[in-house]
Amino acid sequence: MNRPDDRLRRRNRLLLGTLFGLVAGMIGLTYASVPLYNLFCSVTGFGGTTQRAEQAAARVVGRTVTVRFNADTNSALPWGFRPEQKDLVLKLGETGFAAYRAENRGKAPTVGTAVYNVTPEKAGAYFNKMQCFCFTEQVLEPGQVVDMPVTFFVDPSMADDPNMDDVSTITLSYTFFRAKDSEARLAQHTAAASTSPAPESGKQKAEPGATATN
């Protein structure tokens, strides 16, 4: 016959195993939630997340929209960052070209990475970027200036959505932050620079990341 203390130990082991399983499941869900949330945002435009496109829109419609450009820099990154144009007026489906300029105003090489969104947030589902520097780590030497292009279009199907009838202006915003893996990225940059030919005098060349496709 099982003694009461044996039954109590079995219940405690069962309870402990259940708790460990619950904690492990919560940890797994936490790790999975980030890519799932990013996928959800990219598909739905939730939170002003823009879409990605491999090619230009198949059609252009007569309705126009004003795209404004905004730039911010986190205080931990000693960069100047600004759009090269205030706004563009485009037809829905028409390809737009814009550029942002970044300058390292610090005394040492630094690594920055940009995040972005559009407002109003509901426009994210229709804003398509074909080329962008988003989330691409960019190394800038002290005093170096780079121009970073953005190629985009606003999906012409926006004209068919009654919920978008009040949208005549879309603001595309970027914020540059210091990259989390700055030290490792700078080490790679230094190693690559030591094996590359020196650039021509008086010229500065941006790294490929400045025009990487996102």
Protein backbone atom coordinates (compact mmCIF):
# COMPACT_ATOMS: atom_id res chain seq x y z
CA MET A 1 0.00 0.00 0.00
CA ASN A 2 1.29 3.45 -0.89
CA ARG A 3 2.08 5.63 2.04
CA PRO A 4 0.68 9.17 2.15
CA ASP A 5 4.16 10.71 1.86
CA ASP A 6 4.81 8.69 -1.36
CA ARG A 7 1.62 9.99 -2.93
CA LEU A 8 2.53 13.53 -1.90
CA ARG A 9 5.97 13.24 -3.52
CA ARG A 10 4.42 11.96 -6.76
CA ARG A 11 1.96 14.86 -6.83
CA ASN A 12 4.77 17.32 -6.19
CA ARG A 13 6.87 15.83 -9.03
CA LEU A 14 3.86 15.98 -11.36
CA LEU A 15 3.17 19.59 -10.40
CA LEU A 16 6.84 20.54 -10.83
CA GLY A 17 6.96 18.89 -14.27
CA THR A 18 3.82 20.71 -15.33
CA LEU A 19 5.24 24.04 -14.20
CA PHE A 20 8.51 23.45 -16.06
CA GLY A 21 6.56 22.55 -19.19
CA LEU A 22 4.46 25.69 -18.87
CA VAL A 23 7.55 27.89 -18.48
CA ALA A 24 9.28 26.24 -21.45
CA GLY A 25 6.17 26.73 -23.58
CA MET A 26 5.97 30.41 -22.63
CA ILE A 27 9.64 30.92 -23.53
CA GLY A 28 9.14 29.21 -26.87
CA LEU A 29 6.06 31.33 -27.57
CA THR A 30 8.04 34.49 -26.74
CA TYR A 31 10.75 33.63 -29.28
CA ALA A 32 8.19 32.66 -31.90
CA SER A 33 6.05 35.74 -31.36
CA VAL A 34 8.64 38.16 -32.76
CA PRO A 35 8.86 36.66 -36.29
CA LEU A 36 5.13 35.93 -36.26
CA TYR A 37 4.39 39.53 -35.30
CA ASN A 38 6.78 40.83 -37.99
CA LEU A 39 5.12 38.58 -40.57
CA PHE A 40 1.68 39.77 -39.50
CA CYS A 41 2.77 43.42 -39.79
CA SER A 42 4.38 42.94 -43.20
CA VAL A 43 1.29 41.23 -44.61
CA THR A 44 -1.33 43.54 -43.12
CA GLY A 45 0.53 46.84 -42.84
CA PHE A 46 -0.28 46.88 -39.12
CA GLY A 47 1.49 49.67 -37.24
CA GLY A 48 2.40 51.45 -40.45
CA THR A 49 4.63 48.62 -41.67
CA THR A 50 5.23 48.97 -45.40
CA GLN A 51 5.17 46.24 -48.03
CA ARG A 52 7.97 44.87 -50.22
CA ALA A 53 7.81 44.69 -54.00
CA GLU A 54 10.19 43.16 -56.53
CA GLN A 55 8.94 45.28 -59.43
CA ALA A 56 6.93 48.38 -60.23
CA ALA A 57 3.15 48.50 -60.13
CA ALA A 58 1.33 46.98 -63.09
CA ARG A 59 -0.87 50.05 -63.55
CA VAL A 60 -1.09 53.74 -62.69
CA VAL A 61 -4.36 55.50 -61.84
CA GLY A 62 -5.20 59.18 -61.87
CA ARG A 63 -5.62 59.71 -58.13
CA THR A 64 -2.62 61.41 -56.54
CA VAL A 65 -1.10 61.25 -53.08
CA THR A 66 1.52 63.44 -51.41
CA VAL A 67 4.35 61.46 -49.83
CA ARG A 68 6.22 63.37 -47.13
CA PHE A 69 9.60 62.34 -45.76
CA ASN A 70 10.72 62.46 -42.13
CA ALA A 71 14.05 61.60 -40.48
CA ASP A 72 15.09 61.17 -36.83
CA THR A 73 18.28 60.03 -35.12
CA ASN A 74 18.55 58.36 -31.73
CA SER A 75 20.67 60.37 -29.29
CA ALA A 76 23.13 57.48 -28.89
CA LEU A 77 24.19 57.82 -32.53
CA PRO A 78 26.30 60.91 -33.40
CA TRP A 79 24.89 61.28 -36.89
CA GLY A 80 23.11 63.91 -38.85
CA PHE A 81 20.26 62.41 -40.85
CA ARG A 82 17.77 64.16 -43.11
CA PRO A 83 15.66 63.66 -46.24
CA GLU A 84 16.93 65.27 -49.43
CA GLN A 85 13.39 66.31 -50.40
CA LYS A 86 10.43 67.47 -48.36
CA ASP A 87 7.72 65.66 -50.30
CA LEU A 88 6.67 64.20 -53.65
CA VAL A 89 3.28 64.19 -55.36
CA LEU A 90 2.69 60.91 -57.18
CA LYS A 91 -0.12 59.10 -58.91
CA LEU A 92 -1.14 55.79 -57.35
CA GLY A 93 1.06 53.14 -58.94
CA GLU A 94 3.68 55.64 -60.10
CA THR A 95 7.24 54.83 -59.03
CA GLY A 96 8.81 57.39 -56.71
CA PHE A 97 12.49 58.02 -56.06
CA ALA A 98 13.71 59.70 -52.89
CA ALA A 99 16.97 59.98 -50.96
CA TYR A 100 18.10 60.48 -47.39
CA ARG A 101 21.52 61.78 -46.36
CA ALA A 102 23.46 60.59 -43.33
CA GLU A 103 26.64 62.10 -41.90
CA ASN A 104 28.85 60.82 -39.09
CA ARG A 105 29.54 63.86 -36.91
CA GLY A 106 31.47 61.86 -34.33
CA LYS A 107 35.21 61.30 -33.97
CA ALA A 108 35.15 57.53 -34.51
CA PRO A 109 33.59 55.08 -36.97
CA THR A 110 30.05 54.14 -35.96
CA VAL A 111 27.42 51.70 -37.16
CA GLY A 112 23.81 52.71 -37.61
CA THR A 113 20.66 50.87 -38.59
CA ALA A 114 17.30 52.36 -39.53
CA VAL A 115 13.74 51.43 -38.68
CA TYR A 116 10.73 52.88 -40.46
CA ASN A 117 6.98 53.22 -40.69
CA VAL A 118 4.34 55.24 -42.51
CA THR A 119 1.45 57.32 -41.23
CA PRO A 120 -1.46 57.10 -41.27
CA GLU A 121 -0.84 53.54 -40.20
CA LYS A 122 -3.59 52.14 -42.40
CA ALA A 123 -1.59 53.27 -45.45
CA GLY A 124 1.12 50.70 -44.65
CA ALA A 125 -0.77 47.98 -46.50
CA TYR A 126 -0.53 50.01 -49.73
CA PHE A 127 2.96 51.51 -49.47
CA ASN A 128 5.42 49.31 -51.40
CA LYS A 129 9.20 49.70 -51.30
CA MET A 130 11.36 48.22 -54.04
CA GLN A 131 14.70 49.52 -52.74
CA CYS A 132 15.54 50.73 -49.25
CA PHE A 133 18.30 50.98 -46.64
CA CYS A 134 15.93 49.76 -43.91
CA PHE A 135 17.52 47.49 -41.30
CA THR A 136 20.81 47.44 -43.25
CA GLU A 137 23.77 48.18 -41.00
CA GLN A 138 25.72 51.14 -42.33
CA VAL A 139 29.27 51.98 -41.22
CA LEU A 140 30.30 55.62 -41.46
CA GLU A 141 33.79 56.95 -40.87
CA PRO A 142 34.20 60.27 -39.03
CA GLY A 143 32.93 63.02 -41.32
CA GLN A 144 31.71 60.60 -43.98
CA VAL A 145 28.49 61.49 -45.79
CA VAL A 146 26.34 59.02 -47.75
CA ASP A 147 23.16 59.37 -49.78
CA MET A 148 20.72 56.50 -49.33
CA PRO A 149 17.99 56.01 -51.95
CA VAL A 150 14.45 54.74 -51.54
CA THR A 151 12.37 53.50 -54.48
CA PHE A 152 8.66 52.98 -53.85
CA PHE A 153 5.08 53.21 -55.08
CA VAL A 154 1.65 53.43 -53.53
CA ASP A 155 -0.51 50.50 -54.64
CA PRO A 156 -3.17 51.68 -57.11
CA SER A 157 -5.68 49.37 -55.41
CA MET A 158 -5.82 51.97 -52.63
CA ALA A 159 -8.22 53.88 -54.91
CA ASP A 160 -10.68 50.98 -54.60
CA ASP A 161 -10.68 50.95 -50.78
CA PRO A 162 -13.40 53.23 -49.30
CA ASN A 163 -11.50 53.20 -46.00
CA MET A 164 -8.68 55.06 -47.74
CA ASP A 165 -10.82 57.83 -49.29
CA ASP A 166 -9.64 60.33 -46.67
CA VAL A 167 -5.92 59.65 -47.26
CA SER A 168 -4.28 62.28 -49.42
CA THR A 169 -0.93 62.45 -47.61
CA ILE A 170 1.38 59.66 -46.44
CA THR A 171 4.45 60.32 -44.31
CA LEU A 172 7.42 57.96 -44.59
CA SER A 173 9.55 58.14 -41.44
CA TYR A 174 12.97 56.67 -40.69
CA THR A 175 14.85 56.64 -37.40
CA PHE A 176 18.53 55.68 -37.21
CA PHE A 177 19.84 53.87 -34.11
CA ARG A 178 23.29 52.68 -33.11
CA ALA A 179 23.52 49.03 -34.18
CA LYS A 180 23.46 46.52 -31.31
CA ASP A 181 26.41 44.55 -32.70
CA SER A 182 28.50 47.65 -33.44
CA GLU A 183 31.82 46.23 -32.21
CA ALA A 184 31.59 43.07 -34.33
CA ARG A 185 30.46 45.01 -37.38
CA LEU A 186 33.29 47.53 -36.99
CA ALA A 187 35.80 44.70 -36.70
CA GLN A 188 34.52 43.24 -39.99
CA HIS A 189 34.63 46.69 -41.59
CA THR A 190 38.23 47.26 -40.47
CA ALA A 191 39.31 43.84 -41.74
CA ALA A 192 37.65 44.43 -45.10
CA ALA A 193 39.18 47.89 -45.41
CA SER A 194 42.67 46.56 -44.76
CA THR A 195 42.42 44.22 -47.77
CA SER A 196 40.73 46.69 -50.16
CA PRO A 197 42.47 49.22 -52.42
CA ALA A 198 42.52 52.74 -51.03
CA PRO A 199 39.79 55.00 -52.53
CA GLU A 200 40.77 57.87 -54.79
CA SER A 201 41.84 61.02 -52.98
CA GLY A 202 38.99 63.38 -52.08
CA LYS A 203 36.26 60.83 -52.69
CA GLN A 204 34.14 59.01 -50.14
CA LYS A 205 32.36 55.82 -51.02
CA ALA A 206 29.31 54.46 -49.25
CA GLU A 207 29.22 50.79 -48.33
CA PRO A 208 26.83 48.55 -50.26
CA GLY A 209 24.46 48.62 -47.30
CA ALA A 210 23.45 52.17 -48.21
CA THR A 211 21.57 50.92 -51.25
CA ALA A 212 20.67 47.39 -50.17
CA THR A 213 17.31 46.04 -51.17
CA ASN A 214 14.93 45.51 -48.26
